[in-house]
Amino acid sequence: MLSIFLSVLLSVVVTSLSVALYYRGQIQRWVAQTAGEVEEIMSSGDFSKRLGGNNEQFSHCEERLNELLETKEQVIHEIRQIVQGVPERNISHRIVREHKGDLHHLKSEVNAAADHAERNMHLLNHLVETLGEGCYVPSYPLAPSTTDPIYA
């Protein structure tokens, strides 16, 4: 009776160790593959790339990491739109998507800088127009506002 119990116990332990080693290997392969993909994205700077999705067991983790990459890509795209408009004197674009944490602060700072640049552009246009007409009377404040986030 004792030998049957020990045999069953040994079988359970061996099976448990086999399963644990199998999943450990799967986890190690997934971590290595994912780390390689993340390293490729970081080295290329291309946030449009996404993680593979080769393992169903880790798909939720990959989905969350891909959402993170997509958020970064969207912010970079919106900032590029603002910057690309500067040579054409079009600074009307703003970052409109809601973000949290550091991206929220970056959004606020980029939008404030664009607001400031747009105000300055309007001031310069007004100044050129009124100087051309020979009747300059300031209608915009010439000194920066102390409440302006650019100067705060």
C-alpha atoms as a PDB file:
ATOM      1  CA  MET A   1       0.000   0.000   0.000  1.00  0.00           C
ATOM      2  CA  LEU A   2       2.836   2.385   0.887  1.00  0.00           C
ATOM      3  CA  SER A   3       4.630   1.603  -2.355  1.00  0.00           C
ATOM      4  CA  ILE A   4       1.517   2.463  -4.387  1.00  0.00           C
ATOM      5  CA  PHE A   5       1.164   5.746  -2.520  1.00  0.00           C
ATOM      6  CA  LEU A   6       4.861   6.577  -3.132  1.00  0.00           C
ATOM      7  CA  SER A   7       4.529   5.649  -6.809  1.00  0.00           C
ATOM      8  CA  VAL A   8       1.504   7.919  -7.228  1.00  0.00           C
ATOM      9  CA  LEU A   9       3.231  10.706  -5.327  1.00  0.00           C
ATOM     10  CA  LEU A  10       6.369  10.333  -7.445  1.00  0.00           C
ATOM     11  CA  SER A  11       4.251  10.393 -10.627  1.00  0.00           C
ATOM     12  CA  VAL A  12       2.502  13.580  -9.491  1.00  0.00           C
ATOM     13  CA  VAL A  13       5.819  15.258  -8.638  1.00  0.00           C
ATOM     14  CA  VAL A  14       7.432  14.237 -11.948  1.00  0.00           C
ATOM     15  CA  THR A  15       4.385  15.370 -13.933  1.00  0.00           C
ATOM     16  CA  SER A  16       4.276  18.675 -12.059  1.00  0.00           C
ATOM     17  CA  LEU A  17       7.973  19.294 -12.678  1.00  0.00           C
ATOM     18  CA  SER A  18       7.591  18.415 -16.360  1.00  0.00           C
ATOM     19  CA  VAL A  19       4.687  20.833 -16.759  1.00  0.00           C
ATOM     20  CA  ALA A  20       6.559  23.556 -14.847  1.00  0.00           C
ATOM     21  CA  LEU A  21       9.671  23.108 -17.004  1.00  0.00           C
ATOM     22  CA  TYR A  22       7.561  23.155 -20.173  1.00  0.00           C
ATOM     23  CA  TYR A  23       5.874  26.446 -19.236  1.00  0.00           C
ATOM     24  CA  ARG A  24       9.155  27.882 -17.985  1.00  0.00           C
ATOM     25  CA  GLY A  25      10.648  27.221 -21.407  1.00  0.00           C
ATOM     26  CA  GLN A  26       7.655  28.812 -23.128  1.00  0.00           C
ATOM     27  CA  ILE A  27       7.884  31.864 -20.892  1.00  0.00           C
ATOM     28  CA  GLN A  28      11.630  32.198 -21.477  1.00  0.00           C
ATOM     29  CA  ARG A  29      11.183  31.949 -25.266  1.00  0.00           C
ATOM     30  CA  TRP A  30       8.372  34.519 -25.224  1.00  0.00           C
ATOM     31  CA  VAL A  31      10.353  36.919 -23.026  1.00  0.00           C
ATOM     32  CA  ALA A  32      13.426  36.570 -25.253  1.00  0.00           C
ATOM     33  CA  GLN A  33      11.379  37.060 -28.438  1.00  0.00           C
ATOM     34  CA  THR A  34       9.484  40.040 -27.003  1.00  0.00           C
ATOM     35  CA  ALA A  35      12.682  41.626 -25.678  1.00  0.00           C
ATOM     36  CA  GLY A  36      14.221  41.273 -29.139  1.00  0.00           C
ATOM     37  CA  GLU A  37      11.194  42.898 -30.784  1.00  0.00           C
ATOM     38  CA  VAL A  38      11.191  45.757 -28.248  1.00  0.00           C
ATOM     39  CA  GLU A  39      14.930  46.259 -28.765  1.00  0.00           C
ATOM     40  CA  GLU A  40      14.380  46.416 -32.545  1.00  0.00           C
ATOM     41  CA  ILE A  41      11.646  49.039 -32.087  1.00  0.00           C
ATOM     42  CA  MET A  42      13.842  51.078 -29.739  1.00  0.00           C
ATOM     43  CA  SER A  43      16.901  50.932 -31.996  1.00  0.00           C
ATOM     44  CA  SER A  44      14.933  51.854 -35.132  1.00  0.00           C
ATOM     45  CA  GLY A  45      12.785  54.469 -33.387  1.00  0.00           C
ATOM     46  CA  ASP A  46       9.848  53.180 -35.455  1.00  0.00           C
ATOM     47  CA  PHE A  47       6.859  53.133 -33.106  1.00  0.00           C
ATOM     48  CA  SER A  48       4.583  51.870 -35.904  1.00  0.00           C
ATOM     49  CA  LYS A  49       6.033  48.369 -35.443  1.00  0.00           C
ATOM     50  CA  ARG A  50       4.061  46.021 -33.210  1.00  0.00           C
ATOM     51  CA  LEU A  51       4.889  42.928 -31.203  1.00  0.00           C
ATOM     52  CA  GLY A  52       4.418  39.576 -32.932  1.00  0.00           C
ATOM     53  CA  GLY A  53       1.471  37.891 -31.266  1.00  0.00           C
ATOM     54  CA  ASN A  54       2.971  34.435 -31.773  1.00  0.00           C
ATOM     55  CA  ASN A  55       1.833  33.021 -28.451  1.00  0.00           C
ATOM     56  CA  GLU A  56      -1.830  32.928 -27.432  1.00  0.00           C
ATOM     57  CA  GLN A  57      -0.990  32.549 -23.745  1.00  0.00           C
ATOM     58  CA  PHE A  58       0.734  35.936 -23.682  1.00  0.00           C
ATOM     59  CA  SER A  59      -1.530  37.740 -26.144  1.00  0.00           C
ATOM     60  CA  HIS A  60      -3.026  40.013 -23.465  1.00  0.00           C
ATOM     61  CA  CYS A  61       0.426  41.234 -22.461  1.00  0.00           C
ATOM     62  CA  GLU A  62       1.376  41.789 -26.107  1.00  0.00           C
ATOM     63  CA  GLU A  63      -1.877  43.682 -26.724  1.00  0.00           C
ATOM     64  CA  ARG A  64      -1.161  46.027 -23.805  1.00  0.00           C
ATOM     65  CA  LEU A  65       2.422  46.614 -25.000  1.00  0.00           C
ATOM     66  CA  ASN A  66       1.129  47.291 -28.520  1.00  0.00           C
ATOM     67  CA  GLU A  67      -1.378  49.802 -27.102  1.00  0.00           C
ATOM     68  CA  LEU A  68       1.535  51.556 -25.397  1.00  0.00           C
ATOM     69  CA  LEU A  69       3.439  51.688 -28.681  1.00  0.00           C
ATOM     70  CA  GLU A  70       0.366  52.999 -30.496  1.00  0.00           C
ATOM     71  CA  THR A  71      -0.101  55.789 -27.946  1.00  0.00           C
ATOM     72  CA  LYS A  72       3.532  56.874 -28.361  1.00  0.00           C
ATOM     73  CA  GLU A  73       3.191  56.740 -32.140  1.00  0.00           C
ATOM     74  CA  GLN A  74       0.040  58.906 -32.039  1.00  0.00           C
ATOM     75  CA  VAL A  75       1.677  61.580 -29.876  1.00  0.00           C
ATOM     76  CA  ILE A  76       4.744  61.672 -32.116  1.00  0.00           C
ATOM     77  CA  HIS A  77       2.476  61.983 -35.179  1.00  0.00           C
ATOM     78  CA  GLU A  78       0.525  64.868 -33.643  1.00  0.00           C
ATOM     79  CA  ILE A  79       3.702  66.711 -32.633  1.00  0.00           C
ATOM     80  CA  ARG A  80       5.101  66.211 -36.144  1.00  0.00           C
ATOM     81  CA  GLN A  81       1.913  67.739 -37.612  1.00  0.00           C
ATOM     82  CA  ILE A  82       2.413  70.841 -35.464  1.00  0.00           C
ATOM     83  CA  VAL A  83       6.097  71.157 -36.343  1.00  0.00           C
ATOM     84  CA  GLN A  84       5.528  70.510 -40.069  1.00  0.00           C
ATOM     85  CA  GLY A  85       3.017  73.362 -40.173  1.00  0.00           C
ATOM     86  CA  VAL A  86       5.569  75.938 -38.988  1.00  0.00           C
ATOM     87  CA  PRO A  87       7.319  76.527 -42.365  1.00  0.00           C
ATOM     88  CA  GLU A  88       3.909  77.130 -43.990  1.00  0.00           C
ATOM     89  CA  ARG A  89       2.963  79.429 -41.084  1.00  0.00           C
ATOM     90  CA  ASN A  90       0.150  77.073 -40.109  1.00  0.00           C
ATOM     91  CA  ILE A  91       0.302  76.543 -36.373  1.00  0.00           C
ATOM     92  CA  SER A  92      -3.374  75.785 -35.904  1.00  0.00           C
ATOM     93  CA  HIS A  93      -2.992  72.050 -35.196  1.00  0.00           C
ATOM     94  CA  ARG A  94      -3.055  70.928 -31.553  1.00  0.00           C
ATOM     95  CA  ILE A  95      -2.732  67.624 -29.754  1.00  0.00           C
ATOM     96  CA  VAL A  96      -6.339  66.741 -28.969  1.00  0.00           C
ATOM     97  CA  ARG A  97      -6.236  63.164 -27.690  1.00  0.00           C
ATOM     98  CA  GLU A  98      -6.414  62.659 -23.957  1.00  0.00           C
ATOM     99  CA  HIS A  99      -3.252  61.331 -22.339  1.00  0.00           C
ATOM    100  CA  LYS A 100      -2.079  60.625 -18.812  1.00  0.00           C
ATOM    101  CA  GLY A 101       1.103  61.298 -16.896  1.00  0.00           C
ATOM    102  CA  ASP A 102       4.158  62.424 -18.849  1.00  0.00           C
ATOM    103  CA  LEU A 103       2.290  62.393 -22.163  1.00  0.00           C
ATOM    104  CA  HIS A 104      -0.368  64.687 -20.681  1.00  0.00           C
ATOM    105  CA  HIS A 105       2.363  67.119 -19.589  1.00  0.00           C
ATOM    106  CA  LEU A 106       4.025  66.912 -23.009  1.00  0.00           C
ATOM    107  CA  LYS A 107       0.654  67.551 -24.682  1.00  0.00           C
ATOM    108  CA  SER A 108       0.058  70.620 -22.483  1.00  0.00           C
ATOM    109  CA  GLU A 109       3.537  72.017 -23.126  1.00  0.00           C
ATOM    110  CA  VAL A 110       3.447  71.446 -26.897  1.00  0.00           C
ATOM    111  CA  ASN A 111      -0.034  72.973 -27.167  1.00  0.00           C
ATOM    112  CA  ALA A 112       1.030  75.966 -25.035  1.00  0.00           C
ATOM    113  CA  ALA A 113       4.099  76.496 -27.228  1.00  0.00           C
ATOM    114  CA  ALA A 114       1.914  76.304 -30.360  1.00  0.00           C
ATOM    115  CA  ASP A 115      -0.574  78.782 -28.811  1.00  0.00           C
ATOM    116  CA  HIS A 116       2.287  81.148 -28.048  1.00  0.00           C
ATOM    117  CA  ALA A 117       3.739  80.846 -31.549  1.00  0.00           C
ATOM    118  CA  GLU A 118       0.320  81.396 -33.099  1.00  0.00           C
ATOM    119  CA  ARG A 119      -0.229  84.553 -30.998  1.00  0.00           C
ATOM    120  CA  ASN A 120       3.186  85.851 -32.016  1.00  0.00           C
ATOM    121  CA  MET A 121       2.448  85.134 -35.674  1.00  0.00           C
ATOM    122  CA  HIS A 122      -0.834  87.055 -35.447  1.00  0.00           C
ATOM    123  CA  LEU A 123       0.955  89.924 -33.706  1.00  0.00           C
ATOM    124  CA  LEU A 124       3.622  90.045 -36.418  1.00  0.00           C
ATOM    125  CA  ASN A 125       1.001  89.934 -39.178  1.00  0.00           C
ATOM    126  CA  HIS A 126      -0.933  92.749 -37.492  1.00  0.00           C
ATOM    127  CA  LEU A 127       2.252  94.771 -37.027  1.00  0.00           C
ATOM    128  CA  VAL A 128       3.274  94.373 -40.674  1.00  0.00           C
ATOM    129  CA  GLU A 129      -0.208  95.282 -41.897  1.00  0.00           C
ATOM    130  CA  THR A 130      -0.511  98.389 -39.726  1.00  0.00           C
ATOM    131  CA  LEU A 131       3.040  99.535 -40.453  1.00  0.00           C
ATOM    132  CA  GLY A 132       2.258  99.153 -44.141  1.00  0.00           C
ATOM    133  CA  GLU A 133      -0.785 101.359 -43.668  1.00  0.00           C
ATOM    134  CA  GLY A 134       1.274 103.882 -41.703  1.00  0.00           C
ATOM    135  CA  CYS A 135      -0.996 103.866 -38.675  1.00  0.00           C
ATOM    136  CA  TYR A 136       0.421 101.593 -36.026  1.00  0.00           C
ATOM    137  CA  VAL A 137      -1.591 101.522 -32.810  1.00  0.00           C
ATOM    138  CA  PRO A 138      -0.851  98.470 -30.633  1.00  0.00           C
ATOM    139  CA  SER A 139      -3.944  96.326 -30.199  1.00  0.00           C
ATOM    140  CA  TYR A 140      -2.029  93.341 -28.859  1.00  0.00           C
ATOM    141  CA  PRO A 141      -0.021  93.384 -25.643  1.00  0.00           C
ATOM    142  CA  LEU A 142       3.631  93.884 -26.533  1.00  0.00           C
ATOM    143  CA  ALA A 143       4.954  92.451 -23.273  1.00  0.00           C
ATOM    144  CA  PRO A 144       4.502  88.766 -22.454  1.00  0.00           C
ATOM    145  CA  SER A 145       1.736  87.968 -20.040  1.00  0.00           C
ATOM    146  CA  THR A 146       2.798  86.638 -16.634  1.00  0.00           C
ATOM    147  CA  THR A 147      -0.074  84.144 -16.870  1.00  0.00           C
ATOM    148  CA  ASP A 148       1.194  82.746 -20.170  1.00  0.00           C
ATOM    149  CA  PRO A 149       2.389  79.132 -19.522  1.00  0.00           C
ATOM    150  CA  ILE A 150       5.381  79.733 -21.803  1.00  0.00           C
ATOM    151  CA  TYR A 151       6.749  82.329 -19.368  1.00  0.00           C
ATOM    152  CA  ALA A 152       5.578  80.705 -16.149  1.00  0.00           C
END
